[in-house]
């Protein structure tokens, strides 16, 4: 998608096992104010020939370098991450700072406990059958894909790599970000309490929390409302 002259680049980071196509319907919702871009992780879709990365910080390093190169003209950006994607977005923002590059103007994290929170129990070592069953319980929309062995064989390696990345992730202490952080949760999700408030520790900027109807995957049915919220919080701040 070509960038509009005044558009703020909004990078969307997918959940574990997800790909850029998870945000397809979001791409046309930004209007002139937001240049919405979906991040593609290695090992899926247009990057299917690349090795899926099972180290979250290594993944973030590559993405930070790509974001920096894309923003060589000095244009502002913001990050939106869902579930694992929120951790990747957070670490990408930290890596940009380490590289001396311009970081995001705002970090939006959805359905993700704060980086210092305990992570999910080990799932990456489950058998294909048990892992597929767990995925369907989490997101029934994937049932049709996993029912086809040839498609499951393409999807499951990336899922395992992502789950390994999350399971092995440990927060390395460092300076807080200076951009605002907004946490977005689903009313029926299990992310709540200190999982939410713990994000305050990672910014010297404003902190907000907004709850939406739905479960862990509330972001898809709430896409229009979420983009509107991002635009309302982000664009006036940048004077557009």
Protein backbone atom coordinates (compact mmCIF):
# COMPACT_ATOMS: atom_id res chain seq x y z
CA UNK A 1 0.00 0.00 0.00
CA UNK A 2 1.52 3.37 -1.01
CA UNK A 3 2.02 5.83 1.78
CA UNK A 4 -0.18 8.90 1.81
CA UNK A 5 1.73 12.17 2.27
CA UNK A 6 0.43 12.71 5.79
CA UNK A 7 -0.13 9.07 6.75
CA UNK A 8 1.40 7.70 9.92
CA UNK A 9 2.73 4.19 9.35
CA UNK A 10 0.82 1.77 11.59
CA UNK A 11 2.59 -1.58 11.78
CA UNK A 12 0.39 -4.54 12.77
CA UNK A 13 2.15 -7.48 14.46
CA UNK A 14 0.29 -10.84 14.24
CA UNK A 15 -0.40 -13.34 17.02
CA UNK A 16 1.48 -16.64 17.43
CA UNK A 17 1.03 -18.74 14.31
CA UNK A 18 -0.44 -15.75 12.52
CA UNK A 19 0.68 -14.07 9.33
CA UNK A 20 0.24 -10.73 7.60
CA UNK A 21 -3.06 -11.90 6.13
CA UNK A 22 -4.56 -11.91 9.64
CA UNK A 23 -4.96 -8.16 9.20
CA UNK A 24 -6.17 -8.10 5.58
CA UNK A 25 -9.46 -6.38 6.39
CA UNK A 26 -7.65 -3.75 8.47
CA UNK A 27 -5.64 -2.43 5.53
CA UNK A 28 -8.42 -0.30 4.10
CA UNK A 29 -9.59 1.14 7.42
CA UNK A 30 -6.88 3.71 8.05
CA UNK A 31 -8.09 6.42 5.70
CA UNK A 32 -5.71 9.24 4.80
CA UNK A 33 -4.40 9.55 8.36
CA UNK A 34 -2.99 6.03 8.78
CA UNK A 35 -0.84 4.01 6.40
CA UNK A 36 -1.75 0.56 7.74
CA UNK A 37 0.86 -2.16 7.19
CA UNK A 38 0.77 -5.79 8.29
CA UNK A 39 4.07 -7.30 9.43
CA UNK A 40 5.12 -10.62 7.91
CA UNK A 41 7.17 -12.95 10.11
CA UNK A 42 9.70 -15.35 8.53
CA UNK A 43 8.41 -18.76 7.55
CA UNK A 44 4.94 -17.87 6.33
CA UNK A 45 3.12 -16.62 3.22
CA UNK A 46 5.42 -14.27 1.24
CA UNK A 47 8.36 -15.30 3.48
CA UNK A 48 7.57 -19.02 3.45
CA UNK A 49 11.06 -19.96 2.18
CA UNK A 50 12.67 -18.42 5.26
CA UNK A 51 13.26 -20.29 8.50
CA UNK A 52 10.68 -19.52 11.22
CA UNK A 53 12.46 -17.90 14.16
CA UNK A 54 12.04 -19.39 17.62
CA UNK A 55 13.83 -16.52 19.39
CA UNK A 56 11.58 -13.53 20.00
CA UNK A 57 14.42 -11.03 20.43
CA UNK A 58 16.09 -12.23 17.23
CA UNK A 59 12.77 -11.81 15.43
CA UNK A 60 12.40 -8.29 16.82
CA UNK A 61 15.92 -7.36 15.76
CA UNK A 62 15.22 -8.18 12.12
CA UNK A 63 11.91 -6.34 12.20
CA UNK A 64 13.47 -3.28 13.85
CA UNK A 65 16.05 -3.04 11.07
CA UNK A 66 13.31 -3.32 8.44
CA UNK A 67 11.20 -0.63 10.12
CA UNK A 68 14.23 1.66 10.38
CA UNK A 69 15.04 1.23 6.69
CA UNK A 70 11.42 1.84 5.75
CA UNK A 71 11.37 5.06 7.80
CA UNK A 72 14.61 6.49 6.46
CA UNK A 73 12.66 9.58 5.37
CA UNK A 74 11.83 10.35 9.01
CA UNK A 75 8.13 9.54 8.77
CA UNK A 76 6.47 8.63 12.09
CA UNK A 77 5.10 5.21 12.92
CA UNK A 78 3.12 3.38 15.58
CA UNK A 79 2.96 -0.30 16.55
CA UNK A 80 -0.09 -2.50 17.20
CA UNK A 81 0.55 -6.05 18.40
CA UNK A 82 -1.91 -8.81 19.21
CA UNK A 83 -0.98 -11.51 21.76
CA UNK A 84 2.56 -12.67 20.92
CA UNK A 85 2.65 -9.81 18.44
CA UNK A 86 2.45 -7.36 21.34
CA UNK A 87 5.67 -8.75 22.82
CA UNK A 88 7.31 -8.64 19.39
CA UNK A 89 6.18 -5.03 18.91
CA UNK A 90 7.50 -4.11 22.37
CA UNK A 91 10.89 -5.70 21.74
CA UNK A 92 11.04 -4.16 18.26
CA UNK A 93 10.51 -0.73 19.83
CA UNK A 94 13.29 -1.41 22.34
CA UNK A 95 15.62 -2.61 19.60
CA UNK A 96 15.00 0.52 17.52
CA UNK A 97 16.13 2.60 20.48
CA UNK A 98 19.26 0.46 20.88
CA UNK A 99 20.04 1.04 17.21
CA UNK A 100 19.67 4.80 17.66
CA UNK A 101 16.64 4.88 15.36
CA UNK A 102 13.30 6.62 15.76
CA UNK A 103 10.88 4.44 17.69
CA UNK A 104 7.10 4.29 17.52
CA UNK A 105 5.02 7.28 18.56
CA UNK A 106 2.61 4.94 20.35
CA UNK A 107 2.57 1.26 21.30
CA UNK A 108 -0.79 -0.52 21.27
CA UNK A 109 -0.76 -3.98 22.89
CA UNK A 110 -3.78 -6.27 22.64
CA UNK A 111 -4.57 -9.46 24.58
CA UNK A 112 -1.07 -9.75 26.01
CA UNK A 113 0.18 -9.87 29.59
CA UNK A 114 2.98 -7.48 30.53
CA UNK A 115 6.49 -8.66 29.53
CA UNK A 116 7.45 -9.55 33.11
CA UNK A 117 4.36 -11.75 33.62
CA UNK A 118 4.67 -15.57 33.66
CA UNK A 119 4.18 -17.03 30.20
CA UNK A 120 1.93 -19.87 29.03
CA UNK A 121 2.86 -23.44 30.04
CA UNK A 122 4.90 -25.35 27.45
CA UNK A 123 2.83 -25.98 24.34
CA UNK A 124 5.48 -26.12 21.64
CA UNK A 125 6.31 -29.77 22.37
CA UNK A 126 2.76 -31.08 22.03
CA UNK A 127 2.04 -33.64 19.33
CA UNK A 128 0.55 -32.30 16.09
CA UNK A 129 -2.84 -33.67 17.11
CA UNK A 130 -2.84 -32.09 20.56
CA UNK A 131 -1.39 -28.82 19.29
CA UNK A 132 -4.05 -28.62 16.59
CA UNK A 133 -6.77 -29.27 19.17
CA UNK A 134 -5.39 -26.50 21.39
CA UNK A 135 -5.28 -24.07 18.46
CA UNK A 136 -8.89 -24.78 17.56
CA UNK A 137 -9.97 -24.19 21.17
CA UNK A 138 -8.15 -20.87 21.11
CA UNK A 139 -9.42 -19.82 17.69
CA UNK A 140 -12.14 -21.98 16.07
CA UNK A 141 -11.56 -20.16 12.77
CA UNK A 142 -8.42 -22.24 12.15
CA UNK A 143 -10.27 -25.58 12.29
CA UNK A 144 -10.88 -25.68 8.54
CA UNK A 145 -7.20 -25.10 7.75
CA UNK A 146 -5.93 -27.69 10.23
CA UNK A 147 -8.39 -30.28 8.91
CA UNK A 148 -6.27 -30.53 5.73
CA UNK A 149 -2.98 -32.36 6.42
CA UNK A 150 -1.08 -30.53 3.68
CA UNK A 151 -2.13 -27.14 5.07
CA UNK A 152 -1.49 -28.19 8.66
CA UNK A 153 2.03 -29.22 7.63
CA UNK A 154 2.63 -25.66 6.45
CA UNK A 155 1.11 -23.97 9.48
CA UNK A 156 2.28 -26.02 12.46
CA UNK A 157 6.06 -25.41 12.14
CA UNK A 158 5.49 -21.65 12.37
CA UNK A 159 3.13 -22.13 15.29
CA UNK A 160 5.72 -24.22 17.12
CA UNK A 161 8.44 -21.66 16.46
CA UNK A 162 6.24 -18.85 17.77
CA UNK A 163 5.21 -20.78 20.87
CA UNK A 164 8.84 -21.64 21.57
CA UNK A 165 9.74 -17.97 21.22
CA UNK A 166 7.10 -16.96 23.77
CA UNK A 167 7.88 -19.81 26.19
CA UNK A 168 11.59 -18.97 26.24
CA UNK A 169 11.14 -15.21 26.32
CA UNK A 170 12.53 -13.51 29.41
CA UNK A 171 12.42 -9.77 29.87
CA UNK A 172 15.88 -8.21 30.01
CA UNK A 173 15.72 -5.12 32.24
CA UNK A 174 16.26 -1.85 30.42
CA UNK A 175 15.07 1.75 30.19
CA UNK A 176 11.33 2.25 29.79
CA UNK A 177 9.98 3.39 26.45
CA UNK A 178 9.11 7.07 26.20
CA UNK A 179 6.06 6.62 23.97
CA UNK A 180 2.50 6.17 25.28
CA UNK A 181 1.36 2.59 25.82
CA UNK A 182 -2.28 1.58 25.40
CA UNK A 183 -3.40 -1.88 26.52
CA UNK A 184 -6.45 -3.41 24.84
CA UNK A 185 -8.21 -6.43 26.31
CA UNK A 186 -11.24 -8.62 25.69
CA UNK A 187 -13.81 -8.81 28.48
CA UNK A 188 -13.90 -12.62 28.26
CA UNK A 189 -10.14 -13.10 27.90
CA UNK A 190 -7.84 -14.23 30.71
CA UNK A 191 -5.57 -11.16 30.43
CA UNK A 192 -6.52 -8.92 33.35
CA UNK A 193 -5.31 -7.41 36.63
CA UNK A 194 -1.54 -7.16 36.93
CA UNK A 195 -1.21 -8.59 33.41
CA UNK A 196 -2.59 -5.22 32.28
CA UNK A 197 -1.23 -2.80 34.87
CA UNK A 198 2.25 -4.31 34.59
CA UNK A 199 2.64 -2.56 31.24
CA UNK A 200 2.87 0.75 33.15
CA UNK A 201 6.41 -0.22 34.14
CA UNK A 202 7.53 -0.02 30.52
CA UNK A 203 6.74 3.56 29.61
CA UNK A 204 7.49 7.03 30.89
CA UNK A 205 4.64 8.26 28.71
CA UNK A 206 0.89 8.00 29.10
CA UNK A 207 -0.71 4.66 29.95
CA UNK A 208 -4.26 3.70 29.00
CA UNK A 209 -6.40 0.58 29.16
CA UNK A 210 -9.48 -0.07 27.03
CA UNK A 211 -11.68 -3.16 27.26
CA UNK A 212 -13.70 -4.54 24.35
CA UNK A 213 -16.36 -7.25 24.14
CA UNK A 214 -15.04 -10.68 23.29
CA UNK A 215 -12.34 -13.23 24.06
CA UNK A 216 -8.65 -13.49 23.19
CA UNK A 217 -9.41 -12.84 19.52
CA UNK A 218 -11.61 -9.79 20.07
CA UNK A 219 -9.39 -7.79 17.73
CA UNK A 220 -10.97 -9.15 14.55
CA UNK A 221 -14.65 -8.35 15.18
CA UNK A 222 -13.55 -5.06 16.74
CA UNK A 223 -11.25 -4.02 13.88
CA UNK A 224 -13.14 -0.84 12.93
CA UNK A 225 -13.45 0.30 16.55
CA UNK A 226 -9.79 -0.41 17.22
CA UNK A 227 -8.58 1.51 14.17
CA UNK A 228 -10.81 4.42 15.18
CA UNK A 229 -9.31 4.37 18.68
CA UNK A 230 -5.77 4.26 17.29
CA UNK A 231 -6.53 7.18 15.00
CA UNK A 232 -8.11 9.21 17.81
CA UNK A 233 -5.15 8.68 20.15
CA UNK A 234 -2.37 8.91 17.60
CA UNK A 235 -3.16 11.42 14.88
CA UNK A 236 -4.06 14.50 16.99
CA UNK A 237 -0.84 14.00 18.96
CA UNK A 238 1.14 14.23 15.72
CA UNK A 239 -0.72 17.28 14.56
CA UNK A 240 -2.30 15.68 11.50
